[in-house]
Amino acid sequence: AGAPSLAPDNLLSPLVDQLLGDHEVPMLVVRRGRDIEGRLPWAHARAVVPVTGTANARAAQEVAFNLSNRLGTEIVLTHVLEPARASVGGDGRRNGDGSDGQGVASDLLDAAERFGAKVGARIQRSVRHGASVAHEICAQVVETESDLVVVGATIREGGGVFLGHTIEQILDECDATVVAVLTPSSLPKAEPA
């Protein structure tokens, strides 16, 4: 019998797709890393974790920081500045000082780093510039020889489960193991701590 085969444009198995659509609780979906010559994709020595300032990103950070604390995984906190958003602040307003978004990126990374320090995570920081967040995250994985990516997303339904273009592109293109921390859109949003 074996595992069900996936259609070329389907990133998740029909079973995972059904579980995500039928349950209104947060879930972790792990896509095993592809074999990378000379590396052990299951070792989880280094993990790239996108930092965006959203509740979903913070949930992914919490999972990654606990991996770091338990396994010694080094966390590479990564914020990507896209050209169209480079001069827009976290509140959606344009920065009046003409900055390129570095201040916002630094603030987001500072907050994430403080969060990780509370649980003893080993942390590096990175700000990348590019038109595609997913492409930059995948490039960061290669450049840092990371074997894990931990991302957060909201489960959106409508003709099947949709995790968002960035997450789906990372799942499709990244050779590292990908852990997606998924929150249903129907869950009430928690207040920041």
C-alpha atoms as a PDB file:
ATOM      1  CA  ALA A   1       0.000   0.000   0.000  1.00  0.00           C
ATOM      2  CA  GLY A   2       2.527   2.677   1.107  1.00  0.00           C
ATOM      3  CA  ALA A   3       2.049   6.371   1.696  1.00  0.00           C
ATOM      4  CA  PRO A   4      -0.304   8.312  -0.529  1.00  0.00           C
ATOM      5  CA  SER A   5       1.489  10.125  -3.315  1.00  0.00           C
ATOM      6  CA  LEU A   6       1.257  13.884  -3.558  1.00  0.00           C
ATOM      7  CA  ALA A   7       0.127  15.744  -6.620  1.00  0.00           C
ATOM      8  CA  PRO A   8       2.975  17.902  -7.992  1.00  0.00           C
ATOM      9  CA  ASP A   9       1.272  21.113  -6.806  1.00  0.00           C
ATOM     10  CA  ASN A  10       0.212  19.729  -3.380  1.00  0.00           C
ATOM     11  CA  LEU A  11       2.777  20.371  -0.624  1.00  0.00           C
ATOM     12  CA  LEU A  12       0.837  18.539   2.089  1.00  0.00           C
ATOM     13  CA  SER A  13      -0.475  14.999   2.097  1.00  0.00           C
ATOM     14  CA  PRO A  14      -4.257  14.586   1.899  1.00  0.00           C
ATOM     15  CA  LEU A  15      -4.252  13.384   5.544  1.00  0.00           C
ATOM     16  CA  VAL A  16      -2.392  16.478   6.806  1.00  0.00           C
ATOM     17  CA  ASP A  17      -4.614  18.706   4.666  1.00  0.00           C
ATOM     18  CA  GLN A  18      -7.704  17.092   6.233  1.00  0.00           C
ATOM     19  CA  LEU A  19      -6.344  17.350   9.805  1.00  0.00           C
ATOM     20  CA  LEU A  20      -5.546  21.025   9.350  1.00  0.00           C
ATOM     21  CA  GLY A  21      -8.988  21.708   7.919  1.00  0.00           C
ATOM     22  CA  ASP A  22     -10.913  19.705  10.522  1.00  0.00           C
ATOM     23  CA  HIS A  23      -9.308  20.926  13.761  1.00  0.00           C
ATOM     24  CA  GLU A  24      -9.271  24.323  15.398  1.00  0.00           C
ATOM     25  CA  VAL A  25      -6.174  23.863  17.534  1.00  0.00           C
ATOM     26  CA  PRO A  26      -2.567  24.928  16.883  1.00  0.00           C
ATOM     27  CA  MET A  27      -0.477  22.244  15.169  1.00  0.00           C
ATOM     28  CA  LEU A  28       3.094  21.559  14.171  1.00  0.00           C
ATOM     29  CA  VAL A  29       3.734  20.211  10.704  1.00  0.00           C
ATOM     30  CA  VAL A  30       7.224  18.889  10.029  1.00  0.00           C
ATOM     31  CA  ARG A  31       8.497  18.379   6.497  1.00  0.00           C
ATOM     32  CA  ARG A  32      11.622  16.226   6.701  1.00  0.00           C
ATOM     33  CA  GLY A  33      14.735  17.681   5.129  1.00  0.00           C
ATOM     34  CA  ARG A  34      15.971  16.432   1.823  1.00  0.00           C
ATOM     35  CA  ASP A  35      19.228  14.500   1.824  1.00  0.00           C
ATOM     36  CA  ILE A  36      22.058  17.002   1.681  1.00  0.00           C
ATOM     37  CA  GLU A  37      25.384  15.498   0.724  1.00  0.00           C
ATOM     38  CA  GLY A  38      27.817  15.506   3.607  1.00  0.00           C
ATOM     39  CA  ARG A  39      25.288  16.795   6.150  1.00  0.00           C
ATOM     40  CA  LEU A  40      22.911  15.157   8.540  1.00  0.00           C
ATOM     41  CA  PRO A  41      19.524  16.827   7.937  1.00  0.00           C
ATOM     42  CA  TRP A  42      18.135  15.495  11.200  1.00  0.00           C
ATOM     43  CA  ALA A  43      20.876  16.881  13.466  1.00  0.00           C
ATOM     44  CA  HIS A  44      19.236  20.309  14.051  1.00  0.00           C
ATOM     45  CA  ALA A  45      22.527  22.007  14.869  1.00  0.00           C
ATOM     46  CA  ARG A  46      21.392  25.350  13.430  1.00  0.00           C
ATOM     47  CA  ALA A  47      17.893  26.691  12.722  1.00  0.00           C
ATOM     48  CA  VAL A  48      16.789  29.721  10.708  1.00  0.00           C
ATOM     49  CA  VAL A  49      13.786  31.437  12.278  1.00  0.00           C
ATOM     50  CA  PRO A  50      12.076  34.303  10.413  1.00  0.00           C
ATOM     51  CA  VAL A  51      11.256  37.329  12.596  1.00  0.00           C
ATOM     52  CA  THR A  52       8.269  39.432  11.550  1.00  0.00           C
ATOM     53  CA  GLY A  53       6.709  40.695  14.761  1.00  0.00           C
ATOM     54  CA  THR A  54       3.485  38.698  14.337  1.00  0.00           C
ATOM     55  CA  ALA A  55       1.950  36.334  16.885  1.00  0.00           C
ATOM     56  CA  ASN A  56       2.599  33.457  14.466  1.00  0.00           C
ATOM     57  CA  ALA A  57       6.294  34.330  14.216  1.00  0.00           C
ATOM     58  CA  ARG A  58       6.496  34.550  18.005  1.00  0.00           C
ATOM     59  CA  ALA A  59       4.949  31.059  18.321  1.00  0.00           C
ATOM     60  CA  ALA A  60       7.598  29.720  15.934  1.00  0.00           C
ATOM     61  CA  GLN A  61      10.312  31.479  17.948  1.00  0.00           C
ATOM     62  CA  GLU A  62       9.052  29.843  21.134  1.00  0.00           C
ATOM     63  CA  VAL A  63       9.320  26.378  19.550  1.00  0.00           C
ATOM     64  CA  ALA A  64      12.801  27.148  18.179  1.00  0.00           C
ATOM     65  CA  PHE A  65      14.078  28.634  21.435  1.00  0.00           C
ATOM     66  CA  ASN A  66      12.959  25.546  23.337  1.00  0.00           C
ATOM     67  CA  LEU A  67      14.792  23.362  20.799  1.00  0.00           C
ATOM     68  CA  SER A  68      17.872  25.471  21.413  1.00  0.00           C
ATOM     69  CA  ASN A  69      17.525  25.107  25.155  1.00  0.00           C
ATOM     70  CA  ARG A  70      16.961  21.326  24.995  1.00  0.00           C
ATOM     71  CA  LEU A  71      19.216  20.292  22.077  1.00  0.00           C
ATOM     72  CA  GLY A  72      21.724  23.126  21.849  1.00  0.00           C
ATOM     73  CA  THR A  73      20.431  24.197  18.428  1.00  0.00           C
ATOM     74  CA  GLU A  74      21.868  27.559  17.384  1.00  0.00           C
ATOM     75  CA  ILE A  75      19.066  29.904  16.304  1.00  0.00           C
ATOM     76  CA  VAL A  76      19.611  32.317  13.391  1.00  0.00           C
ATOM     77  CA  LEU A  77      16.936  34.989  13.822  1.00  0.00           C
ATOM     78  CA  THR A  78      16.362  36.437  10.358  1.00  0.00           C
ATOM     79  CA  HIS A  79      14.386  39.492   9.308  1.00  0.00           C
ATOM     80  CA  VAL A  80      13.928  40.161   5.589  1.00  0.00           C
ATOM     81  CA  LEU A  81      13.447  43.697   4.356  1.00  0.00           C
ATOM     82  CA  GLU A  82      11.572  43.729   1.075  1.00  0.00           C
ATOM     83  CA  PRO A  83      12.134  46.777  -1.191  1.00  0.00           C
ATOM     84  CA  ALA A  84       8.447  47.804  -1.169  1.00  0.00           C
ATOM     85  CA  ARG A  85       8.323  47.598   2.636  1.00  0.00           C
ATOM     86  CA  ALA A  86      11.810  48.825   3.468  1.00  0.00           C
ATOM     87  CA  SER A  87      10.637  52.265   4.551  1.00  0.00           C
ATOM     88  CA  VAL A  88       7.433  51.174   6.290  1.00  0.00           C
ATOM     89  CA  GLY A  89       7.325  50.870  10.071  1.00  0.00           C
ATOM     90  CA  GLY A  90       5.839  47.969  12.042  1.00  0.00           C
ATOM     91  CA  ASP A  91       2.589  49.892  12.374  1.00  0.00           C
ATOM     92  CA  GLY A  92       2.242  50.125   8.581  1.00  0.00           C
ATOM     93  CA  ARG A  93       3.136  53.838   8.378  1.00  0.00           C
ATOM     94  CA  ARG A  94       6.065  55.143   6.377  1.00  0.00           C
ATOM     95  CA  ASN A  95       9.090  56.091   8.439  1.00  0.00           C
ATOM     96  CA  GLY A  96       9.303  59.875   8.378  1.00  0.00           C
ATOM     97  CA  ASP A  97      13.088  59.849   8.721  1.00  0.00           C
ATOM     98  CA  GLY A  98      13.660  58.171   5.351  1.00  0.00           C
ATOM     99  CA  SER A  99      15.311  55.174   7.015  1.00  0.00           C
ATOM    100  CA  ASP A 100      15.510  51.921   5.132  1.00  0.00           C
ATOM    101  CA  GLY A 101      13.687  49.892   7.764  1.00  0.00           C
ATOM    102  CA  GLN A 102      16.872  48.918   9.631  1.00  0.00           C
ATOM    103  CA  GLY A 103      15.497  50.454  12.844  1.00  0.00           C
ATOM    104  CA  VAL A 104      12.314  48.408  12.646  1.00  0.00           C
ATOM    105  CA  ALA A 105      14.324  45.272  11.845  1.00  0.00           C
ATOM    106  CA  SER A 106      16.642  45.931  14.774  1.00  0.00           C
ATOM    107  CA  ASP A 107      13.707  46.464  17.157  1.00  0.00           C
ATOM    108  CA  LEU A 108      12.047  43.215  16.028  1.00  0.00           C
ATOM    109  CA  LEU A 109      15.290  41.260  16.367  1.00  0.00           C
ATOM    110  CA  ASP A 110      16.002  42.834  19.803  1.00  0.00           C
ATOM    111  CA  ALA A 111      12.571  41.739  21.065  1.00  0.00           C
ATOM    112  CA  ALA A 112      13.018  38.219  19.687  1.00  0.00           C
ATOM    113  CA  GLU A 113      16.504  37.972  21.164  1.00  0.00           C
ATOM    114  CA  ARG A 114      15.239  39.038  24.618  1.00  0.00           C
ATOM    115  CA  PHE A 115      12.495  36.404  24.343  1.00  0.00           C
ATOM    116  CA  GLY A 116      15.070  33.709  23.503  1.00  0.00           C
ATOM    117  CA  ALA A 117      17.436  34.782  26.254  1.00  0.00           C
ATOM    118  CA  LYS A 118      14.721  34.033  28.829  1.00  0.00           C
ATOM    119  CA  VAL A 119      14.956  30.316  27.986  1.00  0.00           C
ATOM    120  CA  GLY A 120      18.715  30.239  27.384  1.00  0.00           C
ATOM    121  CA  ALA A 121      18.636  29.954  23.577  1.00  0.00           C
ATOM    122  CA  ARG A 122      21.851  30.295  21.555  1.00  0.00           C
ATOM    123  CA  ILE A 123      21.143  33.134  19.092  1.00  0.00           C
ATOM    124  CA  GLN A 124      22.601  34.825  16.005  1.00  0.00           C
ATOM    125  CA  ARG A 125      20.877  37.693  14.164  1.00  0.00           C
ATOM    126  CA  SER A 126      20.615  38.569  10.510  1.00  0.00           C
ATOM    127  CA  VAL A 127      18.919  41.237   8.411  1.00  0.00           C
ATOM    128  CA  ARG A 128      18.569  40.393   4.733  1.00  0.00           C
ATOM    129  CA  HIS A 129      17.336  42.490   1.830  1.00  0.00           C
ATOM    130  CA  GLY A 130      15.380  40.961  -1.043  1.00  0.00           C
ATOM    131  CA  ALA A 131      12.194  40.944  -3.061  1.00  0.00           C
ATOM    132  CA  SER A 132      11.194  37.464  -1.853  1.00  0.00           C
ATOM    133  CA  VAL A 133      11.106  36.568   1.846  1.00  0.00           C
ATOM    134  CA  ALA A 134      11.025  32.849   1.046  1.00  0.00           C
ATOM    135  CA  HIS A 135      14.025  33.114  -1.292  1.00  0.00           C
ATOM    136  CA  GLU A 136      16.009  35.022   1.342  1.00  0.00           C
ATOM    137  CA  ILE A 137      15.128  32.500   4.060  1.00  0.00           C
ATOM    138  CA  CYS A 138      16.226  29.611   1.805  1.00  0.00           C
ATOM    139  CA  ALA A 139      19.454  31.500   0.954  1.00  0.00           C
ATOM    140  CA  GLN A 140      20.077  32.077   4.684  1.00  0.00           C
ATOM    141  CA  VAL A 141      19.718  28.322   5.259  1.00  0.00           C
ATOM    142  CA  VAL A 142      22.379  27.589   2.645  1.00  0.00           C
ATOM    143  CA  GLU A 143      24.770  30.352   3.746  1.00  0.00           C
ATOM    144  CA  THR A 144      24.637  29.395   7.432  1.00  0.00           C
ATOM    145  CA  GLU A 145      24.563  25.641   6.703  1.00  0.00           C
ATOM    146  CA  SER A 146      21.391  25.369   8.741  1.00  0.00           C
ATOM    147  CA  ASP A 147      19.496  22.103   8.820  1.00  0.00           C
ATOM    148  CA  LEU A 148      16.193  23.419  10.165  1.00  0.00           C
ATOM    149  CA  VAL A 149      13.719  26.243   9.492  1.00  0.00           C
ATOM    150  CA  VAL A 150      11.013  27.063  12.029  1.00  0.00           C
ATOM    151  CA  VAL A 151       8.189  29.257  10.681  1.00  0.00           C
ATOM    152  CA  GLY A 152       4.801  30.379  11.957  1.00  0.00           C
ATOM    153  CA  ALA A 153       1.637  30.687   9.898  1.00  0.00           C
ATOM    154  CA  THR A 154      -2.116  30.962  10.105  1.00  0.00           C
ATOM    155  CA  ILE A 155      -4.158  28.124   8.623  1.00  0.00           C
ATOM    156  CA  ARG A 156      -6.494  29.669   6.074  1.00  0.00           C
ATOM    157  CA  GLU A 157      -9.212  27.666   4.408  1.00  0.00           C
ATOM    158  CA  GLY A 158     -10.941  28.188   1.126  1.00  0.00           C
ATOM    159  CA  GLY A 159     -10.759  25.447  -1.470  1.00  0.00           C
ATOM    160  CA  GLY A 160      -8.227  23.535   0.650  1.00  0.00           C
ATOM    161  CA  VAL A 161      -5.782  24.559   3.353  1.00  0.00           C
ATOM    162  CA  PHE A 162      -3.554  27.508   2.424  1.00  0.00           C
ATOM    163  CA  LEU A 163      -0.564  28.403   4.613  1.00  0.00           C
ATOM    164  CA  GLY A 164       0.460  31.526   2.713  1.00  0.00           C
ATOM    165  CA  HIS A 165       2.737  31.967  -0.278  1.00  0.00           C
ATOM    166  CA  THR A 166       5.917  32.440   1.750  1.00  0.00           C
ATOM    167  CA  ILE A 167       5.459  29.291   3.846  1.00  0.00           C
ATOM    168  CA  GLU A 168       4.447  27.224   0.832  1.00  0.00           C
ATOM    169  CA  GLN A 169       7.456  28.461  -1.137  1.00  0.00           C
ATOM    170  CA  ILE A 170       9.778  27.582   1.771  1.00  0.00           C
ATOM    171  CA  LEU A 171       8.205  24.111   2.022  1.00  0.00           C
ATOM    172  CA  ASP A 172       8.681  23.652  -1.714  1.00  0.00           C
ATOM    173  CA  GLU A 173      12.187  25.073  -2.168  1.00  0.00           C
ATOM    174  CA  CYS A 174      14.124  24.613   1.073  1.00  0.00           C
ATOM    175  CA  ASP A 175      16.262  21.486   1.506  1.00  0.00           C
ATOM    176  CA  ALA A 176      16.354  21.765   5.309  1.00  0.00           C
ATOM    177  CA  THR A 177      13.766  20.245   7.605  1.00  0.00           C
ATOM    178  CA  VAL A 178      10.874  22.718   7.943  1.00  0.00           C
ATOM    179  CA  VAL A 179       8.771  22.979  11.094  1.00  0.00           C
ATOM    180  CA  ALA A 180       5.613  25.010  10.524  1.00  0.00           C
ATOM    181  CA  VAL A 181       3.860  26.198  13.697  1.00  0.00           C
ATOM    182  CA  LEU A 182       0.276  26.574  12.497  1.00  0.00           C
ATOM    183  CA  THR A 183      -2.501  28.478  14.201  1.00  0.00           C
ATOM    184  CA  PRO A 184      -6.106  28.305  12.942  1.00  0.00           C
ATOM    185  CA  SER A 185      -7.496  31.662  11.870  1.00  0.00           C
ATOM    186  CA  SER A 186     -10.501  31.056  14.125  1.00  0.00           C
ATOM    187  CA  LEU A 187      -8.473  31.120  17.368  1.00  0.00           C
ATOM    188  CA  PRO A 188      -8.748  34.321  19.382  1.00  0.00           C
ATOM    189  CA  LYS A 189      -5.505  36.299  19.356  1.00  0.00           C
ATOM    190  CA  ALA A 190      -3.609  36.304  22.621  1.00  0.00           C
ATOM    191  CA  GLU A 191      -2.512  39.582  24.138  1.00  0.00           C
ATOM    192  CA  PRO A 192       1.268  40.170  24.036  1.00  0.00           C
ATOM    193  CA  ALA A 193       3.065  39.290  27.263  1.00  0.00           C
END
